[in-house]
Amino acid sequence: MQIQVPFLSSLPSATAFLTGLLTPALLISSSGTFILATSLRLGRVVDRVRAIMAQIEHLPDNTVPELIDAKYKSLSGQLALQRERAHLLQRCLFILYTAAMSFVLTSVLIGLLTIAGGRYNWVPVLPGLVGSFALFYASILMIMDARKSVGVLDIEAEFMVELLKSGSPQAKDGSPQIPNVS
């Protein structure tokens, strides 16, 4: 003898509906996390560009000309890379917002098509795929940004190595003293 419970007969479709709505919600959340991280990175780049420009404006006149030239070269290299990073991160933010928008559209379409029924249940797949590819592309851009960030560090380190090689004065304890050129 089989017991019939009316609300349980529609459980599979309700489960599919909820699963269909939750998946884009999780992807929207991951897009938001990416957006937050990228915005923070962009903010740090903007702050660093402003600090570099201030250093360039205030290079001292009374220091050894070779040191000023080396410092200027180092700062201008850093500035160029930071500008590239800023443009890269701005593009990444655009892509991430596109991904989030695609996942929201996917969720809305799933809800509408579930209510309306019909044969167009494949439609939400398209914005879902667009969002997924956008997240993938944004991840590639973030990897490129991380590499450029290390490039800036390399420029700073090269300047310090050259400064130490140039025979900077020794402190009383024998450690090299780096002249203040900033």
C-alpha atoms as a PDB file:
ATOM      1  CA  MET A   1       0.000   0.000   0.000  1.00  0.00           C
ATOM      2  CA  GLN A   2       1.432   3.300  -1.091  1.00  0.00           C
ATOM      3  CA  ILE A   3       0.682   6.503   0.794  1.00  0.00           C
ATOM      4  CA  GLN A   4       0.165   9.590  -1.351  1.00  0.00           C
ATOM      5  CA  VAL A   5       1.264  12.910   0.132  1.00  0.00           C
ATOM      6  CA  PRO A   6       0.464  15.727  -2.332  1.00  0.00           C
ATOM      7  CA  PHE A   7       3.250  18.196  -1.427  1.00  0.00           C
ATOM      8  CA  LEU A   8       5.934  15.487  -1.692  1.00  0.00           C
ATOM      9  CA  SER A   9       5.066  14.796  -5.309  1.00  0.00           C
ATOM     10  CA  SER A  10       6.371  18.233  -6.294  1.00  0.00           C
ATOM     11  CA  LEU A  11       9.533  17.954  -4.173  1.00  0.00           C
ATOM     12  CA  PRO A  12      11.931  17.104  -7.037  1.00  0.00           C
ATOM     13  CA  SER A  13      10.882  20.177  -9.001  1.00  0.00           C
ATOM     14  CA  ALA A  14      11.147  22.350  -5.870  1.00  0.00           C
ATOM     15  CA  THR A  15      14.607  20.945  -5.169  1.00  0.00           C
ATOM     16  CA  ALA A  16      15.694  21.613  -8.750  1.00  0.00           C
ATOM     17  CA  PHE A  17      14.289  25.139  -8.481  1.00  0.00           C
ATOM     18  CA  LEU A  18      16.154  25.875  -5.249  1.00  0.00           C
ATOM     19  CA  THR A  19      19.351  24.323  -6.567  1.00  0.00           C
ATOM     20  CA  GLY A  20      19.022  26.417  -9.701  1.00  0.00           C
ATOM     21  CA  LEU A  21      18.665  29.572  -7.625  1.00  0.00           C
ATOM     22  CA  LEU A  22      21.411  28.736  -5.126  1.00  0.00           C
ATOM     23  CA  THR A  23      24.113  27.982  -7.665  1.00  0.00           C
ATOM     24  CA  PRO A  24      24.046  31.491  -9.192  1.00  0.00           C
ATOM     25  CA  ALA A  25      23.842  32.946  -5.673  1.00  0.00           C
ATOM     26  CA  LEU A  26      27.086  31.213  -4.733  1.00  0.00           C
ATOM     27  CA  LEU A  27      28.693  32.442  -7.929  1.00  0.00           C
ATOM     28  CA  ILE A  28      27.434  35.979  -7.207  1.00  0.00           C
ATOM     29  CA  SER A  29      29.047  35.700  -3.764  1.00  0.00           C
ATOM     30  CA  SER A  30      32.367  34.575  -5.240  1.00  0.00           C
ATOM     31  CA  SER A  31      32.221  37.430  -7.756  1.00  0.00           C
ATOM     32  CA  GLY A  32      31.659  39.829  -4.862  1.00  0.00           C
ATOM     33  CA  THR A  33      34.694  38.456  -3.057  1.00  0.00           C
ATOM     34  CA  PHE A  34      36.785  38.936  -6.195  1.00  0.00           C
ATOM     35  CA  ILE A  35      35.419  42.477  -6.592  1.00  0.00           C
ATOM     36  CA  LEU A  36      36.299  43.357  -3.007  1.00  0.00           C
ATOM     37  CA  ALA A  37      39.841  41.972  -3.300  1.00  0.00           C
ATOM     38  CA  THR A  38      40.410  43.709  -6.637  1.00  0.00           C
ATOM     39  CA  SER A  39      39.067  47.024  -5.338  1.00  0.00           C
ATOM     40  CA  LEU A  40      41.447  46.828  -2.381  1.00  0.00           C
ATOM     41  CA  ARG A  41      44.361  46.083  -4.703  1.00  0.00           C
ATOM     42  CA  LEU A  42      43.436  48.994  -6.932  1.00  0.00           C
ATOM     43  CA  GLY A  43      43.255  51.287  -3.901  1.00  0.00           C
ATOM     44  CA  ARG A  44      46.746  50.232  -2.817  1.00  0.00           C
ATOM     45  CA  VAL A  45      48.074  50.839  -6.334  1.00  0.00           C
ATOM     46  CA  VAL A  46      46.547  54.327  -6.422  1.00  0.00           C
ATOM     47  CA  ASP A  47      48.067  55.118  -3.019  1.00  0.00           C
ATOM     48  CA  ARG A  48      51.460  53.832  -4.150  1.00  0.00           C
ATOM     49  CA  VAL A  49      51.339  55.877  -7.381  1.00  0.00           C
ATOM     50  CA  ARG A  50      50.639  59.007  -5.349  1.00  0.00           C
ATOM     51  CA  ALA A  51      53.531  58.207  -2.998  1.00  0.00           C
ATOM     52  CA  ILE A  52      55.903  57.642  -5.933  1.00  0.00           C
ATOM     53  CA  MET A  53      54.853  60.921  -7.545  1.00  0.00           C
ATOM     54  CA  ALA A  54      55.475  62.734  -4.246  1.00  0.00           C
ATOM     55  CA  GLN A  55      58.940  61.154  -4.025  1.00  0.00           C
ATOM     56  CA  ILE A  56      59.742  62.260  -7.573  1.00  0.00           C
ATOM     57  CA  GLU A  57      58.600  65.812  -6.803  1.00  0.00           C
ATOM     58  CA  HIS A  58      60.792  65.981  -3.701  1.00  0.00           C
ATOM     59  CA  LEU A  59      64.062  64.501  -4.950  1.00  0.00           C
ATOM     60  CA  PRO A  60      66.810  66.431  -3.140  1.00  0.00           C
ATOM     61  CA  ASP A  61      69.152  68.734  -5.059  1.00  0.00           C
ATOM     62  CA  ASN A  62      72.160  68.315  -2.797  1.00  0.00           C
ATOM     63  CA  THR A  63      72.750  64.586  -3.226  1.00  0.00           C
ATOM     64  CA  VAL A  64      75.242  62.871  -5.523  1.00  0.00           C
ATOM     65  CA  PRO A  65      73.884  63.284  -9.095  1.00  0.00           C
ATOM     66  CA  GLU A  66      74.339  59.576  -9.859  1.00  0.00           C
ATOM     67  CA  LEU A  67      72.145  58.686  -6.881  1.00  0.00           C
ATOM     68  CA  ILE A  68      69.465  61.120  -7.960  1.00  0.00           C
ATOM     69  CA  ASP A  69      69.548  59.694 -11.492  1.00  0.00           C
ATOM     70  CA  ALA A  70      69.343  56.143 -10.183  1.00  0.00           C
ATOM     71  CA  LYS A  71      66.502  57.038  -7.813  1.00  0.00           C
ATOM     72  CA  TYR A  72      64.641  58.857 -10.597  1.00  0.00           C
ATOM     73  CA  LYS A  73      65.054  55.859 -12.914  1.00  0.00           C
ATOM     74  CA  SER A  74      63.829  53.501 -10.182  1.00  0.00           C
ATOM     75  CA  LEU A  75      60.820  55.657  -9.347  1.00  0.00           C
ATOM     76  CA  SER A  76      59.853  56.204 -12.988  1.00  0.00           C
ATOM     77  CA  GLY A  77      60.039  52.435 -13.613  1.00  0.00           C
ATOM     78  CA  GLN A  78      57.868  51.787 -10.576  1.00  0.00           C
ATOM     79  CA  LEU A  79      55.413  54.459 -11.678  1.00  0.00           C
ATOM     80  CA  ALA A  80      55.092  52.941 -15.150  1.00  0.00           C
ATOM     81  CA  LEU A  81      54.408  49.474 -13.748  1.00  0.00           C
ATOM     82  CA  GLN A  82      51.921  50.796 -11.191  1.00  0.00           C
ATOM     83  CA  ARG A  83      50.020  52.609 -13.943  1.00  0.00           C
ATOM     84  CA  GLU A  84      49.875  49.368 -15.928  1.00  0.00           C
ATOM     85  CA  ARG A  85      48.581  47.607 -12.818  1.00  0.00           C
ATOM     86  CA  ALA A  86      45.906  50.262 -12.290  1.00  0.00           C
ATOM     87  CA  HIS A  87      44.617  49.837 -15.846  1.00  0.00           C
ATOM     88  CA  LEU A  88      44.740  46.057 -15.548  1.00  0.00           C
ATOM     89  CA  LEU A  89      42.823  46.090 -12.261  1.00  0.00           C
ATOM     90  CA  GLN A  90      40.238  48.501 -13.674  1.00  0.00           C
ATOM     91  CA  ARG A  91      39.652  46.088 -16.574  1.00  0.00           C
ATOM     92  CA  CYS A  92      39.457  43.230 -14.080  1.00  0.00           C
ATOM     93  CA  LEU A  93      36.793  45.075 -12.067  1.00  0.00           C
ATOM     94  CA  PHE A  94      34.739  45.609 -15.225  1.00  0.00           C
ATOM     95  CA  ILE A  95      34.939  41.893 -16.019  1.00  0.00           C
ATOM     96  CA  LEU A  96      34.030  40.943 -12.441  1.00  0.00           C
ATOM     97  CA  TYR A  97      30.986  43.223 -12.436  1.00  0.00           C
ATOM     98  CA  THR A  98      29.976  41.658 -15.749  1.00  0.00           C
ATOM     99  CA  ALA A  99      30.266  38.212 -14.151  1.00  0.00           C
ATOM    100  CA  ALA A 100      28.160  39.236 -11.156  1.00  0.00           C
ATOM    101  CA  MET A 101      25.548  40.766 -13.453  1.00  0.00           C
ATOM    102  CA  SER A 102      25.459  37.570 -15.536  1.00  0.00           C
ATOM    103  CA  PHE A 103      24.912  35.422 -12.462  1.00  0.00           C
ATOM    104  CA  VAL A 104      22.114  37.698 -11.215  1.00  0.00           C
ATOM    105  CA  LEU A 105      20.481  37.464 -14.650  1.00  0.00           C
ATOM    106  CA  THR A 106      20.866  33.681 -14.534  1.00  0.00           C
ATOM    107  CA  SER A 107      19.104  33.549 -11.188  1.00  0.00           C
ATOM    108  CA  VAL A 108      16.274  35.814 -12.364  1.00  0.00           C
ATOM    109  CA  LEU A 109      15.785  33.778 -15.539  1.00  0.00           C
ATOM    110  CA  ILE A 110      15.704  30.514 -13.582  1.00  0.00           C
ATOM    111  CA  GLY A 111      13.007  31.939 -11.325  1.00  0.00           C
ATOM    112  CA  LEU A 112      10.939  33.330 -14.190  1.00  0.00           C
ATOM    113  CA  LEU A 113      11.179  30.228 -16.341  1.00  0.00           C
ATOM    114  CA  THR A 114      10.322  27.956 -13.427  1.00  0.00           C
ATOM    115  CA  ILE A 115       7.183  29.971 -12.739  1.00  0.00           C
ATOM    116  CA  ALA A 116       6.245  30.258 -16.413  1.00  0.00           C
ATOM    117  CA  GLY A 117       7.199  26.717 -17.347  1.00  0.00           C
ATOM    118  CA  GLY A 118       7.857  25.975 -20.958  1.00  0.00           C
ATOM    119  CA  ARG A 119      10.553  24.758 -23.221  1.00  0.00           C
ATOM    120  CA  TYR A 120      13.094  27.579 -22.799  1.00  0.00           C
ATOM    121  CA  ASN A 121      14.773  26.171 -19.707  1.00  0.00           C
ATOM    122  CA  TRP A 122      18.139  26.287 -21.495  1.00  0.00           C
ATOM    123  CA  VAL A 123      18.112  30.129 -21.634  1.00  0.00           C
ATOM    124  CA  PRO A 124      19.643  30.685 -18.152  1.00  0.00           C
ATOM    125  CA  VAL A 125      22.625  28.584 -19.195  1.00  0.00           C
ATOM    126  CA  LEU A 126      23.859  31.343 -21.529  1.00  0.00           C
ATOM    127  CA  PRO A 127      24.355  34.130 -18.945  1.00  0.00           C
ATOM    128  CA  GLY A 128      25.692  31.497 -16.534  1.00  0.00           C
ATOM    129  CA  LEU A 129      28.377  30.556 -19.048  1.00  0.00           C
ATOM    130  CA  VAL A 130      29.177  34.215 -19.746  1.00  0.00           C
ATOM    131  CA  GLY A 131      29.637  34.792 -16.005  1.00  0.00           C
ATOM    132  CA  SER A 132      31.800  31.697 -15.616  1.00  0.00           C
ATOM    133  CA  PHE A 133      34.072  32.708 -18.481  1.00  0.00           C
ATOM    134  CA  ALA A 134      34.246  36.239 -17.071  1.00  0.00           C
ATOM    135  CA  LEU A 135      35.395  34.858 -13.692  1.00  0.00           C
ATOM    136  CA  PHE A 136      37.992  32.754 -15.481  1.00  0.00           C
ATOM    137  CA  TYR A 137      39.290  35.757 -17.447  1.00  0.00           C
ATOM    138  CA  ALA A 138      39.334  37.923 -14.320  1.00  0.00           C
ATOM    139  CA  SER A 139      41.426  35.256 -12.594  1.00  0.00           C
ATOM    140  CA  ILE A 140      43.949  35.435 -15.427  1.00  0.00           C
ATOM    141  CA  LEU A 141      44.064  39.240 -15.087  1.00  0.00           C
ATOM    142  CA  MET A 142      44.664  38.915 -11.336  1.00  0.00           C
ATOM    143  CA  ILE A 143      47.598  36.568 -12.009  1.00  0.00           C
ATOM    144  CA  MET A 144      49.015  39.142 -14.438  1.00  0.00           C
ATOM    145  CA  ASP A 145      48.624  41.837 -11.775  1.00  0.00           C
ATOM    146  CA  ALA A 146      50.441  39.726  -9.202  1.00  0.00           C
ATOM    147  CA  ARG A 147      53.333  39.325 -11.637  1.00  0.00           C
ATOM    148  CA  LYS A 148      53.487  43.094 -12.229  1.00  0.00           C
ATOM    149  CA  SER A 149      53.434  43.648  -8.477  1.00  0.00           C
ATOM    150  CA  VAL A 150      56.531  41.499  -8.149  1.00  0.00           C
ATOM    151  CA  GLY A 151      58.054  43.482 -11.038  1.00  0.00           C
ATOM    152  CA  VAL A 152      57.693  46.664  -8.972  1.00  0.00           C
ATOM    153  CA  LEU A 153      59.399  44.944  -6.055  1.00  0.00           C
ATOM    154  CA  ASP A 154      62.236  43.901  -8.371  1.00  0.00           C
ATOM    155  CA  ILE A 155      62.796  47.511  -9.477  1.00  0.00           C
ATOM    156  CA  GLU A 156      62.950  48.672  -5.851  1.00  0.00           C
ATOM    157  CA  ALA A 157      65.331  45.863  -4.908  1.00  0.00           C
ATOM    158  CA  GLU A 158      67.600  46.539  -7.904  1.00  0.00           C
ATOM    159  CA  PHE A 159      67.933  50.169  -6.834  1.00  0.00           C
ATOM    160  CA  MET A 160      68.880  49.167  -3.301  1.00  0.00           C
ATOM    161  CA  VAL A 161      71.431  46.623  -4.552  1.00  0.00           C
ATOM    162  CA  GLU A 162      73.010  49.258  -6.811  1.00  0.00           C
ATOM    163  CA  LEU A 163      73.022  51.696  -3.932  1.00  0.00           C
ATOM    164  CA  LEU A 164      74.854  49.200  -1.728  1.00  0.00           C
ATOM    165  CA  LYS A 165      77.327  48.410  -4.513  1.00  0.00           C
ATOM    166  CA  SER A 166      78.112  52.091  -5.010  1.00  0.00           C
ATOM    167  CA  GLY A 167      80.110  52.124  -1.801  1.00  0.00           C
ATOM    168  CA  SER A 168      77.692  53.754   0.561  1.00  0.00           C
ATOM    169  CA  PRO A 169      79.202  54.868   3.878  1.00  0.00           C
ATOM    170  CA  GLN A 170      79.621  52.350   6.651  1.00  0.00           C
ATOM    171  CA  ALA A 171      78.009  52.702  10.051  1.00  0.00           C
ATOM    172  CA  LYS A 172      79.998  52.229  13.257  1.00  0.00           C
ATOM    173  CA  ASP A 173      78.808  48.617  13.384  1.00  0.00           C
ATOM    174  CA  GLY A 174      80.082  47.964   9.821  1.00  0.00           C
ATOM    175  CA  SER A 175      76.656  47.774   8.169  1.00  0.00           C
ATOM    176  CA  PRO A 176      76.132  49.832   5.030  1.00  0.00           C
ATOM    177  CA  GLN A 177      74.351  53.156   5.486  1.00  0.00           C
ATOM    178  CA  ILE A 178      71.905  53.998   2.745  1.00  0.00           C
ATOM    179  CA  PRO A 179      71.740  57.713   2.030  1.00  0.00           C
ATOM    180  CA  ASN A 180      68.278  59.235   2.248  1.00  0.00           C
ATOM    181  CA  VAL A 181      67.339  60.131  -1.320  1.00  0.00           C
ATOM    182  CA  SER A 182      63.577  60.103  -0.897  1.00  0.00           C
END
